[in-house]
Amino acid sequence: MKPRYVVVDNDDRDDSVDAGVQENDTRAVNPGVTIGRNAVRELLRSGRAIDKIYVKSGSREGSVVVIVAEAISRGIPIVETDQNKLDRIADGGNHQGVVAMAAGKEYSTVDDILAIAAARGEKPLIVVSDGIEDPHNLGALIRCAECAGAHGIIIPKRRAVGLTPVVVKCSAGAVEHMAVARVTNLATTLKELKEAGIWIFAAEAGGEAYYDADFDLPTAIVFGSEGDGVSRLVKERSDFNVSIPMYGLVNSLNVSTAASVILCHAARVRHGKA
């Protein structure tokens, strides 16, 4: 017998409208859609209100069982539907047979991020994304930041990806536990952080080796876009440039890979493991 909250979906209409994705809509995805098993599990853990969860018909193995049980215990409707409908709602994203509909995650403010650090009794560790446009890279960056104990992430409003469902999925749900502030002018925001006593480190080729930098300070680390790196105005606001020494024939790393190296080192320094 099916659990009382499970509904079998026999409606063939296009639920991309429910997902907030209209035909010919220029938006890639709707922030209210969370796709992928890990991302939906972390959404459930976060306590954020969820309208319903779509599950592929007949999918009752592994983490899907955990998701369905948790949703039922909280009275969240489970809707069984087919692969095609899930593909439409997820706008083609890799949903792994699970899609949740919830209110979009609200952006935090920079002051919120500083308050989180103060509440933990720690010096701020802030990650700054300077024009990252690839949602996979931003999602991976958020995951790295959360694992390293960062207090928040700052992203620009223009010429950069926001918190899309693909970003949420690629963060493995880490975005549910990370304050993300979206600002109009990144250079101005960095100036204000400096005035608040925070040191700005730009991850940039040619800088000092990251392991020689003092991350045991109130710190913001800037990671630049995939093609252009850290922008000129942001570099001018930075106190230090740091880089990862390269010893092979390839002279650069993906931004999220570079971030994982630098942020894990910063975490070791800050938690007495250097």
Protein backbone atom coordinates (compact mmCIF):
# COMPACT_ATOMS: atom_id res chain seq x y z
CA MET A 1 0.00 0.00 0.00
CA LYS A 2 1.34 3.43 -0.93
CA PRO A 3 2.04 5.92 1.90
CA ARG A 4 -0.84 8.34 2.31
CA TYR A 5 1.13 11.34 1.05
CA VAL A 6 2.17 9.77 -2.27
CA VAL A 7 0.23 10.91 -5.34
CA VAL A 8 0.52 9.23 -8.73
CA ASP A 9 0.65 11.97 -11.36
CA ASN A 10 -1.52 11.25 -14.40
CA ASP A 11 -1.56 14.85 -15.63
CA ASP A 12 0.17 15.14 -18.99
CA ARG A 13 0.29 18.92 -19.15
CA ASP A 14 3.67 20.63 -19.15
CA ASP A 15 4.66 21.22 -15.52
CA SER A 16 7.52 23.45 -16.60
CA VAL A 17 4.91 26.16 -15.92
CA ASP A 18 4.68 24.93 -12.31
CA ALA A 19 8.45 25.13 -12.17
CA GLY A 20 8.39 28.73 -13.28
CA VAL A 21 10.02 27.95 -16.63
CA GLN A 22 7.93 29.28 -19.50
CA GLU A 23 8.37 28.33 -23.15
CA ASN A 24 10.91 30.67 -24.76
CA ASP A 25 11.86 31.94 -21.29
CA THR A 26 15.42 33.28 -21.36
CA ARG A 27 16.05 32.19 -17.76
CA ALA A 28 17.93 28.93 -17.60
CA VAL A 29 16.17 27.60 -14.52
CA ASN A 30 13.88 28.61 -11.69
CA PRO A 31 15.47 29.16 -8.26
CA GLY A 32 12.46 27.42 -6.64
CA VAL A 33 13.43 24.06 -8.16
CA THR A 34 15.93 21.79 -6.38
CA ILE A 35 17.20 18.83 -8.41
CA GLY A 36 19.25 15.77 -7.50
CA ARG A 37 19.22 13.41 -4.54
CA ASN A 38 21.92 15.01 -2.39
CA ALA A 39 20.57 18.50 -3.00
CA VAL A 40 17.02 17.49 -2.05
CA ARG A 41 18.25 15.69 1.08
CA GLU A 42 20.09 18.83 2.21
CA LEU A 43 17.01 20.90 1.40
CA LEU A 44 15.03 18.66 3.75
CA ARG A 45 17.72 19.03 6.42
CA SER A 46 17.65 22.81 6.10
CA GLY A 47 14.05 23.03 7.29
CA ARG A 48 13.05 25.32 4.40
CA ALA A 49 9.40 25.06 3.38
CA ILE A 50 8.85 22.56 0.56
CA ASP A 51 5.66 22.46 -1.50
CA LYS A 52 6.09 18.97 -2.96
CA ILE A 53 8.67 16.51 -4.19
CA TYR A 54 8.47 14.79 -7.56
CA VAL A 55 9.90 11.26 -7.70
CA LYS A 56 10.31 9.07 -10.77
CA SER A 57 7.64 6.35 -10.82
CA GLY A 58 8.93 3.08 -9.41
CA SER A 59 12.07 4.65 -7.97
CA ARG A 60 12.36 3.25 -4.46
CA GLU A 61 15.99 2.47 -3.77
CA GLY A 62 18.94 3.96 -1.95
CA SER A 63 18.65 7.59 -0.94
CA VAL A 64 15.24 7.95 -2.62
CA VAL A 65 13.77 5.81 0.18
CA VAL A 66 15.27 8.17 2.77
CA ILE A 67 13.96 11.25 0.94
CA VAL A 68 10.44 9.85 0.64
CA ALA A 69 10.35 8.75 4.30
CA GLU A 70 11.56 12.14 5.54
CA ALA A 71 9.09 13.98 3.33
CA ILE A 72 6.18 11.83 4.49
CA SER A 73 7.12 12.37 8.14
CA ARG A 74 6.88 16.13 7.53
CA GLY A 75 3.66 15.97 5.55
CA ILE A 76 5.29 16.99 2.27
CA PRO A 77 3.42 15.54 -0.74
CA ILE A 78 5.34 13.05 -2.86
CA VAL A 79 4.25 13.00 -6.51
CA GLU A 80 5.25 10.00 -8.62
CA THR A 81 5.70 10.97 -12.26
CA ASP A 82 7.53 9.90 -15.40
CA GLN A 83 11.02 10.70 -16.66
CA ASN A 84 9.83 13.12 -19.35
CA LYS A 85 7.93 15.27 -16.90
CA LEU A 86 10.87 15.36 -14.49
CA ASP A 87 13.12 16.40 -17.37
CA ARG A 88 10.78 19.29 -18.21
CA ILE A 89 10.50 20.51 -14.63
CA ALA A 90 14.27 20.28 -14.16
CA ASP A 91 14.78 22.03 -17.51
CA GLY A 92 17.02 19.21 -18.66
CA GLY A 93 19.20 19.18 -15.53
CA ASN A 94 20.50 15.89 -14.11
CA HIS A 95 17.77 15.36 -11.51
CA GLN A 96 18.52 11.67 -10.65
CA GLY A 97 14.78 11.00 -10.47
CA VAL A 98 14.09 13.55 -7.70
CA VAL A 99 12.91 17.17 -7.99
CA ALA A 100 11.68 19.34 -5.11
CA MET A 101 9.54 22.46 -5.40
CA ALA A 102 10.25 25.04 -2.70
CA ALA A 103 10.48 28.75 -2.21
CA GLY A 104 13.77 30.03 -3.63
CA LYS A 105 16.58 30.39 -1.13
CA GLU A 106 16.81 33.98 0.06
CA TYR A 107 20.06 35.84 -0.38
CA SER A 108 21.82 37.04 2.75
CA THR A 109 23.58 40.37 3.27
CA VAL A 110 27.26 40.95 3.90
CA ASP A 111 26.31 42.00 7.43
CA ASP A 112 24.58 38.63 7.87
CA ILE A 113 27.82 36.87 6.95
CA LEU A 114 29.81 38.93 9.46
CA ALA A 115 27.18 38.20 12.11
CA ILE A 116 27.56 34.45 11.49
CA ALA A 117 31.30 34.70 12.12
CA ALA A 118 30.70 36.71 15.29
CA ALA A 119 28.12 34.21 16.54
CA ARG A 120 30.67 31.40 16.12
CA GLY A 121 33.35 33.43 17.87
CA GLU A 122 35.60 33.19 14.80
CA LYS A 123 37.47 35.61 12.58
CA PRO A 124 35.53 36.00 9.33
CA LEU A 125 36.41 33.72 6.43
CA ILE A 126 34.53 34.90 3.36
CA VAL A 127 34.70 33.53 -0.18
CA VAL A 128 34.19 35.99 -3.02
CA SER A 129 33.19 34.91 -6.53
CA ASP A 130 34.33 37.47 -9.10
CA GLY A 131 32.24 36.90 -12.21
CA ILE A 132 31.96 33.11 -12.22
CA GLU A 133 29.40 32.27 -14.91
CA ASP A 134 29.52 28.47 -14.98
CA PRO A 135 26.91 27.06 -12.54
CA HIS A 136 28.94 23.89 -12.05
CA ASN A 137 31.94 25.92 -10.92
CA LEU A 138 29.90 28.09 -8.55
CA GLY A 139 28.18 25.04 -7.07
CA ALA A 140 31.51 23.32 -6.50
CA LEU A 141 32.94 26.53 -5.01
CA ILE A 142 30.04 26.74 -2.54
CA ARG A 143 30.62 23.12 -1.56
CA CYS A 144 34.33 23.77 -0.97
CA ALA A 145 33.56 26.88 1.07
CA GLU A 146 31.06 25.08 3.29
CA CYS A 147 33.41 22.15 3.90
CA ALA A 148 36.20 24.58 4.84
CA GLY A 149 34.00 26.35 7.39
CA ALA A 150 33.62 29.64 5.51
CA HIS A 151 31.01 31.96 6.96
CA GLY A 152 29.56 33.03 3.63
CA ILE A 153 30.00 33.70 -0.05
CA ILE A 154 29.68 36.98 -1.92
CA ILE A 155 28.69 36.99 -5.59
CA PRO A 156 28.04 39.90 -7.99
CA LYS A 157 24.60 40.56 -9.47
CA ARG A 158 25.86 41.25 -12.98
CA ARG A 159 27.75 39.01 -15.40
CA ALA A 160 27.72 36.08 -12.98
CA VAL A 161 25.52 33.08 -12.27
CA GLY A 162 23.16 33.20 -9.28
CA LEU A 163 21.63 30.43 -7.18
CA THR A 164 20.10 28.30 -9.93
CA PRO A 165 19.00 24.67 -9.48
CA VAL A 166 22.15 23.51 -11.27
CA VAL A 167 24.27 25.48 -8.79
CA VAL A 168 22.35 23.95 -5.89
CA LYS A 169 22.80 20.42 -7.27
CA CYS A 170 26.50 20.91 -7.98
CA SER A 171 26.98 22.14 -4.42
CA ALA A 172 25.59 18.76 -3.27
CA GLY A 173 23.10 20.78 -1.22
CA ALA A 174 25.82 22.75 0.61
CA VAL A 175 24.10 25.96 -0.45
CA GLU A 176 21.36 25.16 2.09
CA HIS A 177 23.92 25.68 4.87
CA MET A 178 25.80 28.65 3.40
CA ALA A 179 24.96 32.35 3.53
CA VAL A 180 25.20 33.82 0.02
CA ALA A 181 25.17 37.59 -0.46
CA ARG A 182 24.58 39.12 -3.89
CA VAL A 183 25.99 42.61 -4.31
CA THR A 184 25.72 45.31 -6.95
CA ASN A 185 29.34 46.48 -6.89
CA LEU A 186 31.99 43.98 -5.86
CA ALA A 187 34.84 46.50 -5.66
CA THR A 188 32.80 48.74 -3.35
CA THR A 189 31.88 45.76 -1.17
CA LEU A 190 35.54 44.80 -0.82
CA LYS A 191 36.38 48.37 0.16
CA GLU A 192 33.75 48.17 2.90
CA LEU A 193 35.12 44.83 4.09
CA LYS A 194 38.61 46.34 4.34
CA GLU A 195 37.19 49.20 6.39
CA ALA A 196 35.71 46.54 8.69
CA GLY A 197 39.20 45.08 9.26
CA ILE A 198 39.07 42.21 6.79
CA TRP A 199 42.10 41.42 4.63
CA ILE A 200 41.46 40.72 0.95
CA PHE A 201 43.37 37.92 -0.80
CA ALA A 202 43.01 37.55 -4.58
CA ALA A 203 43.74 34.12 -6.05
CA GLU A 204 45.80 35.24 -9.01
CA ALA A 205 48.67 33.83 -11.08
CA GLY A 206 52.01 35.31 -10.06
CA GLY A 207 51.05 35.88 -6.44
CA GLU A 208 52.90 34.53 -3.43
CA ALA A 209 52.51 30.83 -2.71
CA TYR A 210 49.21 30.27 -0.91
CA TYR A 211 50.90 28.29 1.88
CA ASP A 212 52.98 31.34 2.81
CA ALA A 213 49.93 33.58 3.25
CA ASP A 214 48.55 34.34 6.71
CA PHE A 215 44.95 33.18 6.56
CA ASP A 216 44.67 33.37 10.34
CA LEU A 217 43.43 36.93 9.84
CA PRO A 218 39.90 38.17 9.21
CA THR A 219 39.95 37.02 5.59
CA ALA A 220 38.12 37.30 2.28
CA ILE A 221 39.49 35.23 -0.61
CA VAL A 222 38.54 36.23 -4.16
CA PHE A 223 38.32 33.65 -6.93
CA GLY A 224 38.01 34.98 -10.48
CA SER A 225 36.01 33.95 -13.51
CA GLU A 226 36.86 30.98 -15.70
CA GLY A 227 38.39 32.96 -18.56
CA ASP A 228 39.44 36.33 -17.21
CA GLY A 229 40.47 35.63 -13.63
CA VAL A 230 40.16 38.37 -11.02
CA SER A 231 39.03 41.68 -12.52
CA ARG A 232 41.27 44.76 -12.48
CA LEU A 233 39.19 46.80 -10.00
CA VAL A 234 38.97 43.86 -7.61
CA LYS A 235 42.73 43.30 -7.80
CA GLU A 236 43.23 46.97 -6.94
CA ARG A 237 41.13 46.47 -3.79
CA SER A 238 43.08 43.38 -2.73
CA ASP A 239 45.78 43.42 -0.06
CA PHE A 240 47.56 40.27 -1.30
CA ASN A 241 47.75 38.06 -4.38
CA VAL A 242 48.12 34.34 -3.76
CA SER A 243 48.68 31.50 -6.18
CA ILE A 244 49.20 27.75 -6.33
CA PRO A 245 52.69 26.80 -7.56
CA MET A 246 52.57 24.66 -10.71
CA TYR A 247 55.22 22.04 -11.46
CA GLY A 248 53.72 20.29 -14.47
CA LEU A 249 53.16 21.28 -18.08
CA VAL A 250 49.62 22.58 -17.48
CA ASN A 251 49.75 26.04 -15.92
CA SER A 252 46.30 26.44 -14.39
CA LEU A 253 43.55 24.72 -12.41
CA ASN A 254 39.78 24.89 -12.62
CA VAL A 255 38.51 27.60 -10.26
CA SER A 256 36.73 25.18 -7.92
CA THR A 257 39.80 22.92 -7.78
CA ALA A 258 42.02 25.89 -6.95
CA ALA A 259 39.52 27.00 -4.32
CA SER A 260 39.55 23.58 -2.66
CA VAL A 261 43.34 23.69 -2.34
CA ILE A 262 43.46 27.21 -0.90
CA LEU A 263 40.39 26.94 1.33
CA CYS A 264 41.42 23.61 2.86
CA HIS A 265 44.81 25.11 3.68
CA ALA A 266 43.12 28.17 5.19
CA ALA A 267 40.94 25.89 7.32
CA ARG A 268 44.00 24.01 8.61
CA VAL A 269 45.75 27.26 9.50
CA ARG A 270 42.70 28.68 11.25
CA HIS A 271 42.00 25.53 13.23
CA GLY A 272 45.54 25.00 14.44
CA LYS A 273 46.53 22.18 12.08
CA ALA A 274 49.14 24.05 9.99
